[in-house]
Amino acid sequence: MLQVSIYRYNPETDAEPHMQDVQVDTGGKDLMVLDVLEMIKSQDSTVTYRRSCREGVCGSDGVNVNGSNRLACITPISDLKEPVEIRPFPGRPIIRDLVVDMTQFYQ
């Protein structure tokens, strides 16, 4: 079981952001962080994150993993120490969970 701590914040229901600890059964496979996020979402459909091309090109799934900014789709969990801590991309306003407002970046 992989130990994951994921940043959670829903401005409609949460007064403050919090970390949620989750155990993920990877089946012994070396998955990407994005695969782990999808497994977490299958356990809790309220988990929110971005994804698109899944090839490390678009950058939509950028998150902070264990203190480093990475693309979830090309970051293997075998490169990470447990517990894996997943937070939103820093320096951007948080819309919900791992989704940040990219308006300023696009401008």
C-alpha atoms as a PDB file:
ATOM      1  CA  MET A   1       0.000   0.000   0.000  1.00  0.00           C
ATOM      2  CA  LEU A   2       1.269   3.414  -0.999  1.00  0.00           C
ATOM      3  CA  GLN A   3       0.823   6.136   1.603  1.00  0.00           C
ATOM      4  CA  VAL A   4      -0.362   9.403   0.022  1.00  0.00           C
ATOM      5  CA  SER A   5      -1.208  12.714   1.635  1.00  0.00           C
ATOM      6  CA  ILE A   6      -3.254  14.905  -0.699  1.00  0.00           C
ATOM      7  CA  TYR A   7      -4.149  18.582  -0.354  1.00  0.00           C
ATOM      8  CA  ARG A   8      -7.894  19.142  -0.113  1.00  0.00           C
ATOM      9  CA  TYR A   9      -9.809  22.383  -0.297  1.00  0.00           C
ATOM     10  CA  ASN A  10     -13.359  23.066  -1.429  1.00  0.00           C
ATOM     11  CA  PRO A  11     -14.143  26.759  -0.876  1.00  0.00           C
ATOM     12  CA  GLU A  12     -17.868  25.980  -0.786  1.00  0.00           C
ATOM     13  CA  THR A  13     -17.589  23.665   2.226  1.00  0.00           C
ATOM     14  CA  ASP A  14     -14.137  24.029   3.834  1.00  0.00           C
ATOM     15  CA  ALA A  15     -13.103  26.899   6.084  1.00  0.00           C
ATOM     16  CA  GLU A  16      -9.427  25.992   5.611  1.00  0.00           C
ATOM     17  CA  PRO A  17      -7.407  23.658   3.389  1.00  0.00           C
ATOM     18  CA  HIS A  18      -6.327  20.357   4.915  1.00  0.00           C
ATOM     19  CA  MET A  19      -4.296  17.281   4.032  1.00  0.00           C
ATOM     20  CA  GLN A  20      -6.102  13.969   3.579  1.00  0.00           C
ATOM     21  CA  ASP A  21      -4.198  10.731   4.116  1.00  0.00           C
ATOM     22  CA  VAL A  22      -5.047   7.936   1.691  1.00  0.00           C
ATOM     23  CA  GLN A  23      -3.729   4.425   1.142  1.00  0.00           C
ATOM     24  CA  VAL A  24      -3.521   3.302  -2.469  1.00  0.00           C
ATOM     25  CA  ASP A  25      -3.034  -0.291  -3.569  1.00  0.00           C
ATOM     26  CA  THR A  26      -0.723   0.004  -6.569  1.00  0.00           C
ATOM     27  CA  GLY A  27      -0.581  -3.750  -7.027  1.00  0.00           C
ATOM     28  CA  GLY A  28       3.204  -3.531  -6.928  1.00  0.00           C
ATOM     29  CA  LYS A  29       3.248  -1.583 -10.192  1.00  0.00           C
ATOM     30  CA  ASP A  30       5.443   1.450 -10.805  1.00  0.00           C
ATOM     31  CA  LEU A  31       2.734   3.942 -11.681  1.00  0.00           C
ATOM     32  CA  MET A  32       2.873   7.633 -12.442  1.00  0.00           C
ATOM     33  CA  VAL A  33       1.542  10.140  -9.907  1.00  0.00           C
ATOM     34  CA  LEU A  34      -1.368  10.820 -12.277  1.00  0.00           C
ATOM     35  CA  ASP A  35      -2.330   7.125 -12.129  1.00  0.00           C
ATOM     36  CA  VAL A  36      -2.293   7.334  -8.335  1.00  0.00           C
ATOM     37  CA  LEU A  37      -4.528  10.425  -8.446  1.00  0.00           C
ATOM     38  CA  GLU A  38      -6.963   8.533 -10.652  1.00  0.00           C
ATOM     39  CA  MET A  39      -6.986   5.637  -8.160  1.00  0.00           C
ATOM     40  CA  ILE A  40      -7.682   8.089  -5.332  1.00  0.00           C
ATOM     41  CA  LYS A  41     -10.517   9.646  -7.364  1.00  0.00           C
ATOM     42  CA  SER A  42     -12.031   6.186  -7.853  1.00  0.00           C
ATOM     43  CA  GLN A  43     -12.182   5.915  -4.028  1.00  0.00           C
ATOM     44  CA  ASP A  44     -13.371   9.512  -3.521  1.00  0.00           C
ATOM     45  CA  SER A  45     -15.053  11.137  -6.513  1.00  0.00           C
ATOM     46  CA  THR A  46     -14.776  14.607  -4.947  1.00  0.00           C
ATOM     47  CA  VAL A  47     -10.985  14.767  -5.473  1.00  0.00           C
ATOM     48  CA  THR A  48     -10.295  17.415  -8.113  1.00  0.00           C
ATOM     49  CA  TYR A  49      -7.207  17.775 -10.335  1.00  0.00           C
ATOM     50  CA  ARG A  50      -6.359  18.627 -13.941  1.00  0.00           C
ATOM     51  CA  ARG A  51      -5.124  16.345 -16.695  1.00  0.00           C
ATOM     52  CA  SER A  52      -5.073  16.409 -20.439  1.00  0.00           C
ATOM     53  CA  CYS A  53      -2.470  14.984 -22.817  1.00  0.00           C
ATOM     54  CA  ARG A  54      -0.866  12.505 -20.384  1.00  0.00           C
ATOM     55  CA  GLU A  55       2.428  12.849 -22.270  1.00  0.00           C
ATOM     56  CA  GLY A  56       4.260  15.574 -20.334  1.00  0.00           C
ATOM     57  CA  VAL A  57       3.606  18.168 -23.022  1.00  0.00           C
ATOM     58  CA  CYS A  58       0.634  20.316 -21.990  1.00  0.00           C
ATOM     59  CA  GLY A  59       1.572  20.887 -18.331  1.00  0.00           C
ATOM     60  CA  SER A  60      -2.038  20.878 -17.149  1.00  0.00           C
ATOM     61  CA  ASP A  61      -1.314  18.299 -14.435  1.00  0.00           C
ATOM     62  CA  GLY A  62       1.458  20.301 -12.773  1.00  0.00           C
ATOM     63  CA  VAL A  63       1.492  19.705  -9.007  1.00  0.00           C
ATOM     64  CA  ASN A  64       3.918  19.917  -6.123  1.00  0.00           C
ATOM     65  CA  VAL A  65       5.030  16.419  -5.100  1.00  0.00           C
ATOM     66  CA  ASN A  66       7.129  16.012  -1.956  1.00  0.00           C
ATOM     67  CA  GLY A  67       8.195  19.652  -2.228  1.00  0.00           C
ATOM     68  CA  SER A  68       9.158  19.663  -5.929  1.00  0.00           C
ATOM     69  CA  ASN A  69       7.108  20.974  -8.824  1.00  0.00           C
ATOM     70  CA  ARG A  70       6.440  18.141 -11.250  1.00  0.00           C
ATOM     71  CA  LEU A  71       4.101  16.898 -13.939  1.00  0.00           C
ATOM     72  CA  ALA A  72       1.950  14.139 -12.472  1.00  0.00           C
ATOM     73  CA  CYS A  73       1.777  12.269 -15.790  1.00  0.00           C
ATOM     74  CA  ILE A  74       5.542  11.687 -16.072  1.00  0.00           C
ATOM     75  CA  THR A  75       6.571  11.369 -12.413  1.00  0.00           C
ATOM     76  CA  PRO A  76       6.970   7.705 -11.410  1.00  0.00           C
ATOM     77  CA  ILE A  77       6.144   6.840  -7.825  1.00  0.00           C
ATOM     78  CA  SER A  78       9.337   4.750  -7.666  1.00  0.00           C
ATOM     79  CA  ASP A  79      11.267   8.066  -7.637  1.00  0.00           C
ATOM     80  CA  LEU A  80       9.418   9.282  -4.529  1.00  0.00           C
ATOM     81  CA  LYS A  81       9.724   8.711  -0.795  1.00  0.00           C
ATOM     82  CA  GLU A  82       6.646   7.809   1.234  1.00  0.00           C
ATOM     83  CA  PRO A  83       4.408   9.263   2.271  1.00  0.00           C
ATOM     84  CA  VAL A  84       3.895  10.929  -1.106  1.00  0.00           C
ATOM     85  CA  GLU A  85       2.638  14.442  -0.448  1.00  0.00           C
ATOM     86  CA  ILE A  86       0.690  16.019  -3.314  1.00  0.00           C
ATOM     87  CA  ARG A  87      -0.105  19.724  -3.184  1.00  0.00           C
ATOM     88  CA  PRO A  88      -1.285  22.274  -5.753  1.00  0.00           C
ATOM     89  CA  PHE A  89       1.220  24.190  -7.858  1.00  0.00           C
ATOM     90  CA  PRO A  90       2.529  26.958  -5.550  1.00  0.00           C
ATOM     91  CA  GLY A  91       2.103  30.676  -6.130  1.00  0.00           C
ATOM     92  CA  ARG A  92      -1.311  30.468  -7.783  1.00  0.00           C
ATOM     93  CA  PRO A  93      -4.769  30.993  -6.274  1.00  0.00           C
ATOM     94  CA  ILE A  94      -6.419  27.667  -5.478  1.00  0.00           C
ATOM     95  CA  ILE A  95      -9.764  26.980  -7.103  1.00  0.00           C
ATOM     96  CA  ARG A  96     -10.326  23.555  -5.541  1.00  0.00           C
ATOM     97  CA  ASP A  97      -8.032  20.763  -4.293  1.00  0.00           C
ATOM     98  CA  LEU A  98      -5.134  20.539  -6.808  1.00  0.00           C
ATOM     99  CA  VAL A  99      -6.667  22.920  -9.367  1.00  0.00           C
ATOM    100  CA  VAL A 100      -5.133  26.389  -9.424  1.00  0.00           C
ATOM    101  CA  ASP A 101      -6.129  29.537 -11.321  1.00  0.00           C
ATOM    102  CA  MET A 102      -3.760  29.767 -14.312  1.00  0.00           C
ATOM    103  CA  THR A 103      -5.136  33.076 -15.676  1.00  0.00           C
ATOM    104  CA  GLN A 104      -2.085  35.058 -14.634  1.00  0.00           C
ATOM    105  CA  PHE A 105       0.241  32.437 -16.142  1.00  0.00           C
ATOM    106  CA  TYR A 106      -1.556  32.461 -19.502  1.00  0.00           C
ATOM    107  CA  GLN A 107      -1.453  36.274 -19.687  1.00  0.00           C
END
